[in-house]
């Protein structure tokens, strides 16, 4: 309950600024329909792929999307790549101090 309340408050507080920090979603593309509304649809696979390659690309896209949306804290979404990058940075800084 508390996390839901904090998430709602965080989104309301930073709603104006969240859009500029959010990365473009590689899984979906946005378009404007004939009524002027913005809609989203899944990105199509590039033409010329074999059935096997298309299946592999689709699974990799799904996994990447899941890893990019791993955590949600006060309306901010961040993924496992953040932690992986932090661990690499800390490891390199420790090596340079030796």
C-alpha atoms as a PDB file:
ATOM      1  CA  UNK A   1       0.000   0.000   0.000  1.00  0.00           C
ATOM      2  CA  UNK A   2       2.773   2.400   0.928  1.00  0.00           C
ATOM      3  CA  UNK A   3       4.751   1.674  -2.229  1.00  0.00           C
ATOM      4  CA  UNK A   4       1.661   2.299  -4.360  1.00  0.00           C
ATOM      5  CA  UNK A   5       1.105   5.620  -2.606  1.00  0.00           C
ATOM      6  CA  UNK A   6       4.767   6.606  -3.021  1.00  0.00           C
ATOM      7  CA  UNK A   7       4.680   5.587  -6.669  1.00  0.00           C
ATOM      8  CA  UNK A   8       1.605   7.701  -7.319  1.00  0.00           C
ATOM      9  CA  UNK A   9       3.082  10.704  -5.501  1.00  0.00           C
ATOM     10  CA  UNK A  10       6.407  10.337  -7.332  1.00  0.00           C
ATOM     11  CA  UNK A  11       4.722  10.141 -10.720  1.00  0.00           C
ATOM     12  CA  UNK A  12       2.577  13.188  -9.999  1.00  0.00           C
ATOM     13  CA  UNK A  13       5.577  15.152  -8.744  1.00  0.00           C
ATOM     14  CA  UNK A  14       7.908  14.343 -11.641  1.00  0.00           C
ATOM     15  CA  UNK A  15       5.344  13.800 -14.401  1.00  0.00           C
ATOM     16  CA  UNK A  16       6.573  16.709 -16.499  1.00  0.00           C
ATOM     17  CA  UNK A  17      10.199  15.591 -16.449  1.00  0.00           C
ATOM     18  CA  UNK A  18       9.810  11.840 -16.787  1.00  0.00           C
ATOM     19  CA  UNK A  19       9.281  11.856 -20.541  1.00  0.00           C
ATOM     20  CA  UNK A  20      12.652  13.424 -21.335  1.00  0.00           C
ATOM     21  CA  UNK A  21      14.539  10.837 -19.276  1.00  0.00           C
ATOM     22  CA  UNK A  22      12.656   7.792 -20.522  1.00  0.00           C
ATOM     23  CA  UNK A  23      14.501   5.946 -23.279  1.00  0.00           C
ATOM     24  CA  UNK A  24      12.705   5.092 -26.488  1.00  0.00           C
ATOM     25  CA  UNK A  25      11.014   1.722 -26.233  1.00  0.00           C
ATOM     26  CA  UNK A  26      12.687  -0.708 -28.666  1.00  0.00           C
ATOM     27  CA  UNK A  27       9.708  -3.059 -28.564  1.00  0.00           C
ATOM     28  CA  UNK A  28       7.005  -0.561 -29.581  1.00  0.00           C
ATOM     29  CA  UNK A  29       6.742   2.323 -32.007  1.00  0.00           C
ATOM     30  CA  UNK A  30       4.353   5.259 -31.740  1.00  0.00           C
ATOM     31  CA  UNK A  31       2.217   6.624 -34.543  1.00  0.00           C
ATOM     32  CA  UNK A  32      -0.684   9.030 -34.983  1.00  0.00           C
ATOM     33  CA  UNK A  33      -3.936   7.527 -36.259  1.00  0.00           C
ATOM     34  CA  UNK A  34      -6.524   9.193 -38.498  1.00  0.00           C
ATOM     35  CA  UNK A  35      -8.297  10.737 -35.475  1.00  0.00           C
ATOM     36  CA  UNK A  36      -5.132  12.486 -34.312  1.00  0.00           C
ATOM     37  CA  UNK A  37      -4.530  10.214 -31.324  1.00  0.00           C
ATOM     38  CA  UNK A  38      -1.130   8.791 -30.560  1.00  0.00           C
ATOM     39  CA  UNK A  39      -1.112   4.993 -30.536  1.00  0.00           C
ATOM     40  CA  UNK A  40       1.564   2.372 -30.142  1.00  0.00           C
ATOM     41  CA  UNK A  41       2.151  -0.865 -31.976  1.00  0.00           C
ATOM     42  CA  UNK A  42       4.783  -3.561 -31.880  1.00  0.00           C
ATOM     43  CA  UNK A  43       7.730  -2.914 -34.148  1.00  0.00           C
ATOM     44  CA  UNK A  44       7.829  -5.212 -37.121  1.00  0.00           C
ATOM     45  CA  UNK A  45      10.793  -7.465 -37.708  1.00  0.00           C
ATOM     46  CA  UNK A  46      13.135  -6.465 -40.525  1.00  0.00           C
ATOM     47  CA  UNK A  47      12.317  -8.089 -43.857  1.00  0.00           C
ATOM     48  CA  UNK A  48      14.486 -10.878 -45.191  1.00  0.00           C
ATOM     49  CA  UNK A  49      14.963 -12.817 -41.967  1.00  0.00           C
ATOM     50  CA  UNK A  50      14.556 -16.558 -41.926  1.00  0.00           C
ATOM     51  CA  UNK A  51      11.927 -18.074 -39.631  1.00  0.00           C
ATOM     52  CA  UNK A  52      14.633 -19.221 -37.209  1.00  0.00           C
ATOM     53  CA  UNK A  53      16.329 -15.804 -37.121  1.00  0.00           C
ATOM     54  CA  UNK A  54      12.988 -14.047 -36.625  1.00  0.00           C
ATOM     55  CA  UNK A  55      12.192 -16.309 -33.675  1.00  0.00           C
ATOM     56  CA  UNK A  56      15.599 -15.648 -32.089  1.00  0.00           C
ATOM     57  CA  UNK A  57      15.335 -11.883 -32.619  1.00  0.00           C
ATOM     58  CA  UNK A  58      11.857 -11.836 -31.076  1.00  0.00           C
ATOM     59  CA  UNK A  59      13.041 -13.722 -27.982  1.00  0.00           C
ATOM     60  CA  UNK A  60      16.057 -11.413 -27.577  1.00  0.00           C
ATOM     61  CA  UNK A  61      13.835  -8.325 -27.856  1.00  0.00           C
ATOM     62  CA  UNK A  62      11.461  -9.705 -25.217  1.00  0.00           C
ATOM     63  CA  UNK A  63      14.297 -10.509 -22.835  1.00  0.00           C
ATOM     64  CA  UNK A  64      15.911  -7.085 -23.322  1.00  0.00           C
ATOM     65  CA  UNK A  65      12.590  -5.377 -22.676  1.00  0.00           C
ATOM     66  CA  UNK A  66      12.093  -7.373 -19.487  1.00  0.00           C
ATOM     67  CA  UNK A  67      15.596  -6.564 -18.230  1.00  0.00           C
ATOM     68  CA  UNK A  68      15.149  -2.872 -18.986  1.00  0.00           C
ATOM     69  CA  UNK A  69      11.957  -2.681 -16.917  1.00  0.00           C
ATOM     70  CA  UNK A  70      13.155  -4.672 -13.913  1.00  0.00           C
ATOM     71  CA  UNK A  71      12.346  -2.267 -11.090  1.00  0.00           C
ATOM     72  CA  UNK A  72       9.907   0.560 -10.464  1.00  0.00           C
ATOM     73  CA  UNK A  73      10.741   3.003  -7.663  1.00  0.00           C
ATOM     74  CA  UNK A  74       8.591   6.115  -7.163  1.00  0.00           C
ATOM     75  CA  UNK A  75       7.571   6.085 -10.794  1.00  0.00           C
ATOM     76  CA  UNK A  76      11.097   5.633 -12.140  1.00  0.00           C
ATOM     77  CA  UNK A  77      11.735   2.447 -14.043  1.00  0.00           C
ATOM     78  CA  UNK A  78      15.219   1.057 -14.240  1.00  0.00           C
ATOM     79  CA  UNK A  79      16.578  -2.309 -15.108  1.00  0.00           C
ATOM     80  CA  UNK A  80      19.226  -4.793 -14.247  1.00  0.00           C
ATOM     81  CA  UNK A  81      21.645  -3.106 -16.643  1.00  0.00           C
ATOM     82  CA  UNK A  82      21.912  -0.240 -14.153  1.00  0.00           C
ATOM     83  CA  UNK A  83      23.230  -2.605 -11.489  1.00  0.00           C
ATOM     84  CA  UNK A  84      25.516  -4.393 -13.933  1.00  0.00           C
ATOM     85  CA  UNK A  85      27.006  -1.046 -14.968  1.00  0.00           C
ATOM     86  CA  UNK A  86      27.461  -0.001 -11.346  1.00  0.00           C
ATOM     87  CA  UNK A  87      29.236  -3.254 -10.511  1.00  0.00           C
ATOM     88  CA  UNK A  88      31.578  -2.824 -13.502  1.00  0.00           C
ATOM     89  CA  UNK A  89      32.331   0.759 -12.483  1.00  0.00           C
ATOM     90  CA  UNK A  90      33.059  -0.220  -8.873  1.00  0.00           C
ATOM     91  CA  UNK A  91      35.214  -3.127  -9.979  1.00  0.00           C
ATOM     92  CA  UNK A  92      37.275  -0.928 -12.318  1.00  0.00           C
ATOM     93  CA  UNK A  93      37.708   1.777  -9.689  1.00  0.00           C
ATOM     94  CA  UNK A  94      38.987  -0.817  -7.219  1.00  0.00           C
ATOM     95  CA  UNK A  95      41.465  -2.097  -9.794  1.00  0.00           C
ATOM     96  CA  UNK A  96      42.763   1.382 -10.499  1.00  0.00           C
ATOM     97  CA  UNK A  97      43.342   1.984  -6.771  1.00  0.00           C
ATOM     98  CA  UNK A  98      45.686  -1.011  -6.525  1.00  0.00           C
END
